[in-house]
Amino acid sequence: QVHMVESGGGLVQAGGSLRLSCAASGTIVSINAMNWYRQAPGKQRELVADITSGGTTNYADSVKGRFTISRDDAKNTVYLQMNSLKPEDTAVYYCHADYMDRRGWNNAWGQGTQVTVSS
């Protein structure tokens, strides 16, 4: 079984920055896409950014130019650098990955990390 462990959330003032990390552990053959989602109170979970195994990235319009997703395949880790944070970025952030293990393709979620941006 693969576990995704997130870190880096916290409280920051508007205009500040945070860097989230998410490390996958377990018997992993390879990882395909890695993603960051977020869910604010009373709202549906939304895709924030994703990165393919080839390094192609995609961002939600609301974070383009402010957030950067990256990955370190040697560490099975995905990062989300968040700059110029706004109060509307406040949410629980979840990482997600599509991976292959001995049984085939599967996917896993992190436990979530709280990001709070004060005005």
N, C-alpha and C. Protein backbone atom coordinates (compact mmCIF):
# COMPACT_ATOMS: atom_id res chain seq x y z
N GLN A 1 0.83 -1.19 0.00
CA GLN A 1 0.00 0.00 0.00
C GLN A 1 0.87 1.25 0.00
N VAL A 2 0.48 2.25 -0.78
CA VAL A 2 1.23 3.49 -0.88
C VAL A 2 0.60 4.55 0.01
N HIS A 3 1.45 5.26 0.74
CA HIS A 3 1.00 6.35 1.60
C HIS A 3 1.57 7.66 1.08
N MET A 4 0.74 8.70 1.14
CA MET A 4 1.14 10.05 0.75
C MET A 4 1.15 10.89 2.01
N VAL A 5 2.29 11.48 2.35
CA VAL A 5 2.41 12.27 3.57
C VAL A 5 2.74 13.71 3.20
N GLU A 6 1.85 14.61 3.61
CA GLU A 6 1.98 16.03 3.28
C GLU A 6 2.59 16.81 4.42
N SER A 7 3.20 17.93 4.08
CA SER A 7 3.73 18.85 5.08
C SER A 7 3.80 20.24 4.47
N GLY A 8 3.92 21.25 5.34
CA GLY A 8 4.16 22.60 4.87
C GLY A 8 3.00 23.56 4.99
N GLY A 9 1.85 23.10 5.42
CA GLY A 9 0.73 24.01 5.57
C GLY A 9 0.91 24.91 6.79
N GLY A 10 0.00 25.87 6.94
CA GLY A 10 0.08 26.76 8.09
C GLY A 10 -0.70 28.03 7.88
N LEU A 11 -0.43 29.01 8.73
CA LEU A 11 -1.09 30.31 8.70
C LEU A 11 -0.12 31.34 8.14
N VAL A 12 -0.59 32.12 7.18
CA VAL A 12 0.26 33.13 6.56
C VAL A 12 -0.60 34.35 6.24
N GLN A 13 0.02 35.52 6.23
CA GLN A 13 -0.70 36.73 5.87
C GLN A 13 -0.85 36.83 4.35
N ALA A 14 -1.86 37.56 3.92
CA ALA A 14 -2.05 37.78 2.49
C ALA A 14 -0.78 38.38 1.89
N GLY A 15 -0.42 37.86 0.71
CA GLY A 15 0.80 38.30 0.06
C GLY A 15 2.00 37.43 0.38
N GLY A 16 1.85 36.56 1.36
CA GLY A 16 2.95 35.70 1.78
C GLY A 16 3.06 34.45 0.93
N SER A 17 3.98 33.57 1.35
CA SER A 17 4.27 32.35 0.59
C SER A 17 4.30 31.14 1.51
N LEU A 18 3.98 30.01 0.94
CA LEU A 18 4.13 28.72 1.61
C LEU A 18 4.57 27.69 0.57
N ARG A 19 5.26 26.66 1.03
CA ARG A 19 5.64 25.56 0.16
C ARG A 19 5.13 24.26 0.75
N LEU A 20 4.28 23.58 0.01
CA LEU A 20 3.77 22.28 0.42
C LEU A 20 4.62 21.17 -0.19
N SER A 21 4.78 20.10 0.58
CA SER A 21 5.49 18.92 0.10
C SER A 21 4.61 17.70 0.33
N CYS A 22 4.77 16.70 -0.53
CA CYS A 22 4.02 15.46 -0.38
C CYS A 22 4.89 14.31 -0.86
N ALA A 23 5.22 13.41 0.06
CA ALA A 23 6.10 12.29 -0.27
C ALA A 23 5.30 11.00 -0.30
N ALA A 24 5.50 10.23 -1.35
CA ALA A 24 4.86 8.92 -1.48
C ALA A 24 5.82 7.84 -1.00
N SER A 25 5.30 6.92 -0.20
CA SER A 25 6.13 5.82 0.29
C SER A 25 5.37 4.51 0.10
N GLY A 26 6.13 3.42 -0.08
CA GLY A 26 5.54 2.12 -0.31
C GLY A 26 6.23 1.45 -1.47
N THR A 27 5.65 0.36 -1.90
CA THR A 27 6.24 -0.40 -3.00
C THR A 27 5.74 0.19 -4.32
N ILE A 28 6.52 1.12 -4.84
CA ILE A 28 6.14 1.87 -6.03
C ILE A 28 7.04 1.47 -7.19
N VAL A 29 6.41 1.11 -8.30
CA VAL A 29 7.18 0.83 -9.50
C VAL A 29 7.42 2.14 -10.27
N SER A 30 6.35 2.90 -10.44
CA SER A 30 6.49 4.20 -11.09
C SER A 30 5.29 5.06 -10.72
N ILE A 31 5.46 6.37 -10.87
CA ILE A 31 4.38 7.33 -10.60
C ILE A 31 4.11 8.09 -11.89
N ASN A 32 2.84 8.19 -12.24
CA ASN A 32 2.47 8.94 -13.43
C ASN A 32 2.16 10.37 -13.00
N ALA A 33 0.93 10.80 -13.11
CA ALA A 33 0.59 12.18 -12.76
C ALA A 33 0.56 12.36 -11.24
N MET A 34 0.96 13.54 -10.81
CA MET A 34 0.85 13.94 -9.40
C MET A 34 0.08 15.25 -9.38
N ASN A 35 -0.80 15.39 -8.41
CA ASN A 35 -1.72 16.53 -8.39
C ASN A 35 -1.83 17.15 -7.00
N TRP A 36 -2.25 18.39 -6.99
CA TRP A 36 -2.67 19.06 -5.75
C TRP A 36 -4.13 19.49 -5.94
N TYR A 37 -4.95 19.17 -4.97
CA TYR A 37 -6.34 19.61 -4.92
C TYR A 37 -6.51 20.44 -3.64
N ARG A 38 -7.61 21.18 -3.57
CA ARG A 38 -7.95 21.89 -2.34
C ARG A 38 -9.45 21.88 -2.14
N GLN A 39 -9.83 21.99 -0.88
CA GLN A 39 -11.24 22.04 -0.54
C GLN A 39 -11.46 23.07 0.56
N ALA A 40 -12.21 24.10 0.23
CA ALA A 40 -12.56 25.13 1.19
C ALA A 40 -13.88 24.74 1.87
N PRO A 41 -14.15 25.28 3.06
CA PRO A 41 -15.39 24.94 3.77
C PRO A 41 -16.62 25.23 2.92
N GLY A 42 -17.51 24.25 2.81
CA GLY A 42 -18.74 24.42 2.06
C GLY A 42 -18.59 24.35 0.56
N LYS A 43 -17.38 24.04 0.08
CA LYS A 43 -17.15 23.98 -1.36
C LYS A 43 -16.67 22.60 -1.77
N GLN A 44 -16.78 22.31 -3.06
CA GLN A 44 -16.30 21.04 -3.57
C GLN A 44 -14.78 21.05 -3.70
N ARG A 45 -14.20 19.87 -3.66
CA ARG A 45 -12.76 19.75 -3.87
C ARG A 45 -12.45 20.14 -5.32
N GLU A 46 -11.41 20.93 -5.52
CA GLU A 46 -11.05 21.39 -6.86
C GLU A 46 -9.58 21.11 -7.14
N LEU A 47 -9.30 20.88 -8.42
CA LEU A 47 -7.93 20.67 -8.85
C LEU A 47 -7.19 22.01 -8.87
N VAL A 48 -6.05 22.05 -8.23
CA VAL A 48 -5.23 23.26 -8.20
C VAL A 48 -4.14 23.19 -9.27
N ALA A 49 -3.43 22.07 -9.32
CA ALA A 49 -2.34 21.93 -10.28
C ALA A 49 -2.01 20.46 -10.45
N ASP A 50 -1.48 20.12 -11.62
CA ASP A 50 -1.00 18.75 -11.83
C ASP A 50 0.26 18.77 -12.67
N ILE A 51 1.01 17.69 -12.57
CA ILE A 51 2.27 17.55 -13.30
C ILE A 51 2.38 16.10 -13.75
N THR A 52 2.68 15.92 -15.03
CA THR A 52 2.82 14.58 -15.58
C THR A 52 4.21 14.03 -15.29
N SER A 53 4.41 12.77 -15.62
CA SER A 53 5.73 12.16 -15.44
C SER A 53 6.77 12.83 -16.34
N GLY A 54 6.32 13.43 -17.42
CA GLY A 54 7.23 14.12 -18.32
C GLY A 54 7.48 15.56 -17.95
N GLY A 55 6.79 16.03 -16.90
CA GLY A 55 7.03 17.39 -16.42
C GLY A 55 6.06 18.43 -16.94
N THR A 56 5.07 18.02 -17.71
CA THR A 56 4.07 18.97 -18.19
C THR A 56 3.16 19.38 -17.04
N THR A 57 2.94 20.68 -16.90
CA THR A 57 2.14 21.18 -15.78
C THR A 57 0.85 21.82 -16.28
N ASN A 58 -0.11 21.87 -15.35
CA ASN A 58 -1.41 22.47 -15.64
C ASN A 58 -1.90 23.11 -14.35
N TYR A 59 -2.51 24.30 -14.48
CA TYR A 59 -2.94 25.03 -13.29
C TYR A 59 -4.38 25.51 -13.43
N ALA A 60 -5.07 25.60 -12.31
CA ALA A 60 -6.36 26.26 -12.28
C ALA A 60 -6.14 27.75 -12.58
N ASP A 61 -7.11 28.35 -13.24
CA ASP A 61 -6.97 29.77 -13.61
C ASP A 61 -6.74 30.64 -12.39
N SER A 62 -7.33 30.28 -11.26
CA SER A 62 -7.26 31.10 -10.06
C SER A 62 -5.86 31.15 -9.45
N VAL A 63 -4.98 30.23 -9.83
CA VAL A 63 -3.64 30.20 -9.23
C VAL A 63 -2.52 30.42 -10.25
N LYS A 64 -2.87 30.53 -11.52
CA LYS A 64 -1.84 30.72 -12.55
C LYS A 64 -1.01 31.96 -12.26
N GLY A 65 0.29 31.81 -12.39
CA GLY A 65 1.20 32.92 -12.15
C GLY A 65 1.59 33.09 -10.70
N ARG A 66 0.90 32.38 -9.80
CA ARG A 66 1.21 32.51 -8.36
C ARG A 66 1.73 31.19 -7.77
N PHE A 67 1.21 30.06 -8.25
CA PHE A 67 1.60 28.75 -7.73
C PHE A 67 2.47 28.02 -8.76
N THR A 68 3.39 27.21 -8.25
CA THR A 68 4.24 26.39 -9.11
C THR A 68 4.30 24.97 -8.56
N ILE A 69 3.95 24.01 -9.40
CA ILE A 69 4.05 22.60 -9.02
C ILE A 69 5.34 22.02 -9.59
N SER A 70 5.99 21.17 -8.83
CA SER A 70 7.20 20.50 -9.29
C SER A 70 7.27 19.13 -8.63
N ARG A 71 8.19 18.30 -9.10
CA ARG A 71 8.32 16.96 -8.55
C ARG A 71 9.77 16.52 -8.56
N ASP A 72 10.10 15.65 -7.62
CA ASP A 72 11.42 15.03 -7.54
C ASP A 72 11.18 13.52 -7.56
N ASP A 73 11.37 12.91 -8.72
CA ASP A 73 11.06 11.50 -8.86
C ASP A 73 12.00 10.61 -8.05
N ALA A 74 13.20 11.07 -7.79
CA ALA A 74 14.12 10.29 -6.97
C ALA A 74 13.61 10.15 -5.53
N LYS A 75 12.81 11.12 -5.12
CA LYS A 75 12.25 11.12 -3.76
C LYS A 75 10.76 10.81 -3.75
N ASN A 76 10.18 10.54 -4.92
CA ASN A 76 8.73 10.31 -5.02
C ASN A 76 7.95 11.42 -4.34
N THR A 77 8.35 12.64 -4.58
CA THR A 77 7.79 13.80 -3.88
C THR A 77 7.30 14.84 -4.87
N VAL A 78 6.17 15.44 -4.54
CA VAL A 78 5.63 16.54 -5.32
C VAL A 78 5.54 17.77 -4.41
N TYR A 79 5.79 18.94 -5.00
CA TYR A 79 5.81 20.19 -4.25
C TYR A 79 4.80 21.17 -4.84
N LEU A 80 4.36 22.10 -4.01
CA LEU A 80 3.53 23.20 -4.48
C LEU A 80 4.05 24.47 -3.83
N GLN A 81 4.71 25.30 -4.62
CA GLN A 81 5.16 26.61 -4.14
C GLN A 81 4.05 27.60 -4.37
N MET A 82 3.59 28.22 -3.29
CA MET A 82 2.46 29.14 -3.35
C MET A 82 2.94 30.54 -2.96
N ASN A 83 2.88 31.46 -3.90
CA ASN A 83 3.29 32.84 -3.67
C ASN A 83 2.09 33.77 -3.81
N SER A 84 2.25 34.98 -3.31
CA SER A 84 1.19 36.00 -3.40
C SER A 84 -0.15 35.43 -2.94
N LEU A 85 -0.13 34.78 -1.81
CA LEU A 85 -1.33 34.11 -1.31
C LEU A 85 -2.43 35.11 -0.99
N LYS A 86 -3.66 34.66 -1.23
CA LYS A 86 -4.85 35.47 -1.00
C LYS A 86 -5.76 34.75 0.02
N PRO A 87 -6.60 35.50 0.70
CA PRO A 87 -7.53 34.85 1.65
C PRO A 87 -8.37 33.76 0.99
N GLU A 88 -8.71 33.92 -0.27
CA GLU A 88 -9.51 32.91 -0.96
C GLU A 88 -8.74 31.62 -1.26
N ASP A 89 -7.43 31.61 -0.99
CA ASP A 89 -6.65 30.38 -1.12
C ASP A 89 -6.78 29.50 0.13
N THR A 90 -7.44 30.01 1.15
CA THR A 90 -7.62 29.25 2.38
C THR A 90 -8.42 27.98 2.11
N ALA A 91 -7.85 26.84 2.48
CA ALA A 91 -8.48 25.54 2.22
C ALA A 91 -7.61 24.44 2.81
N VAL A 92 -8.14 23.23 2.79
CA VAL A 92 -7.32 22.06 3.05
C VAL A 92 -6.78 21.58 1.70
N TYR A 93 -5.48 21.43 1.63
CA TYR A 93 -4.82 21.02 0.39
C TYR A 93 -4.47 19.54 0.46
N TYR A 94 -4.80 18.81 -0.61
CA TYR A 94 -4.57 17.38 -0.69
C TYR A 94 -3.67 17.06 -1.90
N CYS A 95 -2.72 16.18 -1.70
CA CYS A 95 -1.96 15.69 -2.84
C CYS A 95 -2.56 14.37 -3.29
N HIS A 96 -2.29 14.04 -4.53
CA HIS A 96 -2.83 12.82 -5.13
C HIS A 96 -1.83 12.32 -6.17
N ALA A 97 -1.75 11.01 -6.32
CA ALA A 97 -0.83 10.46 -7.32
C ALA A 97 -1.42 9.20 -7.94
N ASP A 98 -1.15 9.04 -9.22
CA ASP A 98 -1.43 7.79 -9.94
C ASP A 98 -0.12 7.01 -10.01
N TYR A 99 -0.11 5.81 -9.47
CA TYR A 99 1.13 5.05 -9.39
C TYR A 99 0.92 3.61 -9.83
N MET A 100 2.04 2.97 -10.15
CA MET A 100 2.01 1.55 -10.46
C MET A 100 2.76 0.80 -9.36
N ASP A 101 2.13 -0.24 -8.82
CA ASP A 101 2.83 -1.15 -7.92
C ASP A 101 2.78 -2.55 -8.51
N ARG A 102 3.03 -3.56 -7.69
CA ARG A 102 3.09 -4.93 -8.23
C ARG A 102 1.75 -5.42 -8.74
N ARG A 103 0.66 -4.76 -8.30
CA ARG A 103 -0.68 -5.20 -8.71
C ARG A 103 -1.17 -4.46 -9.95
N GLY A 104 -0.49 -3.40 -10.32
CA GLY A 104 -0.92 -2.60 -11.46
C GLY A 104 -1.09 -1.15 -11.07
N TRP A 105 -1.91 -0.42 -11.85
CA TRP A 105 -2.11 1.00 -11.61
C TRP A 105 -3.11 1.22 -10.48
N ASN A 106 -2.84 2.21 -9.67
CA ASN A 106 -3.69 2.56 -8.55
C ASN A 106 -3.52 4.06 -8.27
N ASN A 107 -4.20 4.57 -7.25
CA ASN A 107 -4.01 5.97 -6.91
C ASN A 107 -4.10 6.13 -5.40
N ALA A 108 -3.54 7.21 -4.91
CA ALA A 108 -3.51 7.46 -3.47
C ALA A 108 -3.67 8.95 -3.18
N TRP A 109 -4.25 9.25 -2.00
CA TRP A 109 -4.45 10.62 -1.54
C TRP A 109 -3.66 10.86 -0.26
N GLY A 110 -3.21 12.09 -0.09
CA GLY A 110 -2.66 12.50 1.18
C GLY A 110 -3.76 12.78 2.17
N GLN A 111 -3.37 13.02 3.42
CA GLN A 111 -4.34 13.23 4.49
C GLN A 111 -4.87 14.65 4.52
N GLY A 112 -4.22 15.55 3.80
CA GLY A 112 -4.64 16.94 3.77
C GLY A 112 -3.83 17.79 4.73
N THR A 113 -3.56 19.02 4.30
CA THR A 113 -2.86 19.97 5.16
C THR A 113 -3.57 21.32 5.05
N GLN A 114 -3.78 21.96 6.19
CA GLN A 114 -4.55 23.20 6.23
C GLN A 114 -3.67 24.38 5.84
N VAL A 115 -4.17 25.19 4.94
CA VAL A 115 -3.55 26.47 4.58
C VAL A 115 -4.55 27.57 4.90
N THR A 116 -4.14 28.51 5.74
CA THR A 116 -5.01 29.62 6.12
C THR A 116 -4.30 30.92 5.80
N VAL A 117 -4.96 31.77 5.02
CA VAL A 117 -4.39 33.05 4.61
C VAL A 117 -5.24 34.16 5.24
N SER A 118 -4.61 34.94 6.10
CA SER A 118 -5.33 36.02 6.77
C SER A 118 -5.23 37.32 5.98
N SER A 119 -6.26 38.12 6.07
CA SER A 119 -6.28 39.39 5.31
C SER A 119 -5.67 40.52 6.11
